[in-house]
Amino acid sequence: MKQRNVFIRYLLVLMLIATFVACASTPKHESTGEYVDDSVITTKVKSLLAEDDFLKSFKISVETYKGIVQLSGFVNSQNAVDKAGQITWTVKGVKSLKNNLVVK
């Protein structure tokens, strides 16, 4: 009976360690918390771009990975590129911006 209790304790400790390792981030994968943070940043940027009267007519894609926001799509002026970048920087949590918007 004692051996069984010891085995169960070791098994629980191993499961706990496996859980922490599974949720940790690596250079190529986000942790669960980072993924949630990135989706919040993406949602905020998209909503701010959609609210702006000048930019809402353009289809601007927003992707976020570890706080780095990437904007892509086509706009009709450099002013639109600059404005989208300015709006993105107002969102809390943005660490870097890759503004890949193309003026057509």
C-alpha atoms as a PDB file:
ATOM      1  CA  MET A   1       0.000   0.000   0.000  1.00  0.00           C
ATOM      2  CA  LYS A   2       2.881   2.389   0.821  1.00  0.00           C
ATOM      3  CA  GLN A   3       4.542   1.708  -2.514  1.00  0.00           C
ATOM      4  CA  ARG A   4       1.293   2.495  -4.301  1.00  0.00           C
ATOM      5  CA  ASN A   5       0.967   5.879  -2.542  1.00  0.00           C
ATOM      6  CA  VAL A   6       4.565   6.756  -3.382  1.00  0.00           C
ATOM      7  CA  PHE A   7       3.999   5.778  -7.011  1.00  0.00           C
ATOM      8  CA  ILE A   8       0.848   7.923  -7.209  1.00  0.00           C
ATOM      9  CA  ARG A   9       2.693  10.926  -5.725  1.00  0.00           C
ATOM     10  CA  TYR A  10       5.517  10.588  -8.250  1.00  0.00           C
ATOM     11  CA  LEU A  11       3.008  10.271 -11.041  1.00  0.00           C
ATOM     12  CA  LEU A  12       1.201  13.444  -9.931  1.00  0.00           C
ATOM     13  CA  VAL A  13       4.489  15.355  -9.730  1.00  0.00           C
ATOM     14  CA  LEU A  14       5.432  14.223 -13.228  1.00  0.00           C
ATOM     15  CA  MET A  15       2.029  15.274 -14.567  1.00  0.00           C
ATOM     16  CA  LEU A  16       2.393  18.696 -12.933  1.00  0.00           C
ATOM     17  CA  ILE A  17       5.855  19.161 -14.456  1.00  0.00           C
ATOM     18  CA  ALA A  18       4.553  18.087 -17.874  1.00  0.00           C
ATOM     19  CA  THR A  19       1.744  20.639 -17.607  1.00  0.00           C
ATOM     20  CA  PHE A  20       4.173  23.484 -16.903  1.00  0.00           C
ATOM     21  CA  VAL A  21       6.476  22.437 -19.728  1.00  0.00           C
ATOM     22  CA  ALA A  22       3.580  22.220 -22.178  1.00  0.00           C
ATOM     23  CA  CYS A  23       2.501  25.800 -21.405  1.00  0.00           C
ATOM     24  CA  ALA A  24       5.979  27.309 -21.649  1.00  0.00           C
ATOM     25  CA  SER A  25       7.004  29.307 -24.673  1.00  0.00           C
ATOM     26  CA  THR A  26       9.877  28.420 -26.955  1.00  0.00           C
ATOM     27  CA  PRO A  27      11.591  30.550 -29.598  1.00  0.00           C
ATOM     28  CA  LYS A  28       9.227  29.169 -32.255  1.00  0.00           C
ATOM     29  CA  HIS A  29       6.039  28.677 -30.209  1.00  0.00           C
ATOM     30  CA  GLU A  30       4.025  30.986 -28.000  1.00  0.00           C
ATOM     31  CA  SER A  31       2.854  30.082 -24.536  1.00  0.00           C
ATOM     32  CA  THR A  32      -0.877  30.074 -23.867  1.00  0.00           C
ATOM     33  CA  GLY A  33      -0.680  33.460 -22.166  1.00  0.00           C
ATOM     34  CA  GLU A  34       1.300  34.994 -25.006  1.00  0.00           C
ATOM     35  CA  TYR A  35      -1.208  33.657 -27.517  1.00  0.00           C
ATOM     36  CA  VAL A  36      -4.090  35.255 -25.605  1.00  0.00           C
ATOM     37  CA  ASP A  37      -2.182  38.546 -25.303  1.00  0.00           C
ATOM     38  CA  ASP A  38      -1.453  38.548 -29.036  1.00  0.00           C
ATOM     39  CA  SER A  39      -5.090  37.933 -29.928  1.00  0.00           C
ATOM     40  CA  VAL A  40      -6.138  40.836 -27.693  1.00  0.00           C
ATOM     41  CA  ILE A  41      -3.613  43.124 -29.414  1.00  0.00           C
ATOM     42  CA  THR A  42      -4.789  41.973 -32.862  1.00  0.00           C
ATOM     43  CA  THR A  43      -8.430  42.564 -31.964  1.00  0.00           C
ATOM     44  CA  LYS A  44      -7.735  46.048 -30.576  1.00  0.00           C
ATOM     45  CA  VAL A  45      -5.709  47.083 -33.634  1.00  0.00           C
ATOM     46  CA  LYS A  46      -8.364  45.757 -36.028  1.00  0.00           C
ATOM     47  CA  SER A  47     -11.156  47.576 -34.192  1.00  0.00           C
ATOM     48  CA  LEU A  48      -9.233  50.857 -34.112  1.00  0.00           C
ATOM     49  CA  LEU A  49      -8.471  50.598 -37.831  1.00  0.00           C
ATOM     50  CA  ALA A  50     -12.141  49.843 -38.560  1.00  0.00           C
ATOM     51  CA  GLU A  51     -13.288  52.829 -36.479  1.00  0.00           C
ATOM     52  CA  ASP A  52     -11.061  55.271 -38.352  1.00  0.00           C
ATOM     53  CA  ASP A  53     -13.037  56.975 -41.129  1.00  0.00           C
ATOM     54  CA  PHE A  54      -9.990  57.265 -43.394  1.00  0.00           C
ATOM     55  CA  LEU A  55      -8.831  53.642 -43.064  1.00  0.00           C
ATOM     56  CA  LYS A  56     -12.069  51.677 -42.729  1.00  0.00           C
ATOM     57  CA  SER A  57     -12.494  51.382 -46.504  1.00  0.00           C
ATOM     58  CA  PHE A  58      -9.211  49.456 -46.878  1.00  0.00           C
ATOM     59  CA  LYS A  59      -8.739  45.742 -46.230  1.00  0.00           C
ATOM     60  CA  ILE A  60      -5.824  45.721 -43.812  1.00  0.00           C
ATOM     61  CA  SER A  61      -4.724  42.391 -42.341  1.00  0.00           C
ATOM     62  CA  VAL A  62      -3.343  42.378 -38.809  1.00  0.00           C
ATOM     63  CA  GLU A  63      -1.259  39.555 -37.329  1.00  0.00           C
ATOM     64  CA  THR A  64       0.518  39.550 -33.970  1.00  0.00           C
ATOM     65  CA  TYR A  65       3.244  37.233 -32.694  1.00  0.00           C
ATOM     66  CA  LYS A  66       4.898  37.852 -29.309  1.00  0.00           C
ATOM     67  CA  GLY A  67       3.911  41.523 -29.384  1.00  0.00           C
ATOM     68  CA  ILE A  68       5.185  42.117 -32.915  1.00  0.00           C
ATOM     69  CA  VAL A  69       2.333  43.404 -35.077  1.00  0.00           C
ATOM     70  CA  GLN A  70       2.398  42.969 -38.837  1.00  0.00           C
ATOM     71  CA  LEU A  71       0.110  45.038 -41.055  1.00  0.00           C
ATOM     72  CA  SER A  72      -0.404  43.947 -44.645  1.00  0.00           C
ATOM     73  CA  GLY A  73      -2.694  44.918 -47.480  1.00  0.00           C
ATOM     74  CA  PHE A  74      -3.143  47.613 -50.082  1.00  0.00           C
ATOM     75  CA  VAL A  75      -3.915  51.292 -49.478  1.00  0.00           C
ATOM     76  CA  ASN A  76      -4.066  54.258 -51.840  1.00  0.00           C
ATOM     77  CA  SER A  77      -1.595  56.660 -50.198  1.00  0.00           C
ATOM     78  CA  GLN A  78       1.470  56.896 -47.998  1.00  0.00           C
ATOM     79  CA  ASN A  79      -0.681  58.896 -45.600  1.00  0.00           C
ATOM     80  CA  ALA A  80      -2.821  55.778 -45.032  1.00  0.00           C
ATOM     81  CA  VAL A  81       0.315  53.700 -44.342  1.00  0.00           C
ATOM     82  CA  ASP A  82       1.538  56.243 -41.797  1.00  0.00           C
ATOM     83  CA  LYS A  83      -1.856  56.601 -40.117  1.00  0.00           C
ATOM     84  CA  ALA A  84      -2.265  52.819 -39.737  1.00  0.00           C
ATOM     85  CA  GLY A  85       1.178  52.654 -38.130  1.00  0.00           C
ATOM     86  CA  GLN A  86       0.350  55.476 -35.726  1.00  0.00           C
ATOM     87  CA  ILE A  87      -2.909  53.803 -34.698  1.00  0.00           C
ATOM     88  CA  THR A  88      -1.127  50.476 -34.135  1.00  0.00           C
ATOM     89  CA  TRP A  89       1.431  52.051 -31.799  1.00  0.00           C
ATOM     90  CA  THR A  90      -1.372  53.367 -29.543  1.00  0.00           C
ATOM     91  CA  VAL A  91      -2.327  49.813 -28.527  1.00  0.00           C
ATOM     92  CA  LYS A  92      -0.825  48.650 -25.241  1.00  0.00           C
ATOM     93  CA  GLY A  93       1.428  45.604 -25.638  1.00  0.00           C
ATOM     94  CA  VAL A  94       2.772  46.400 -29.108  1.00  0.00           C
ATOM     95  CA  LYS A  95       6.540  45.828 -28.965  1.00  0.00           C
ATOM     96  CA  SER A  96       7.349  46.232 -32.636  1.00  0.00           C
ATOM     97  CA  LEU A  97       5.582  46.993 -35.910  1.00  0.00           C
ATOM     98  CA  LYS A  98       6.177  45.525 -39.357  1.00  0.00           C
ATOM     99  CA  ASN A  99       4.217  47.821 -41.628  1.00  0.00           C
ATOM    100  CA  ASN A 100       3.971  45.898 -44.903  1.00  0.00           C
ATOM    101  CA  LEU A 101       1.154  47.991 -46.344  1.00  0.00           C
ATOM    102  CA  VAL A 102       1.599  48.638 -50.065  1.00  0.00           C
ATOM    103  CA  VAL A 103       0.530  51.828 -51.825  1.00  0.00           C
ATOM    104  CA  LYS A 104      -1.241  50.915 -55.056  1.00  0.00           C
END
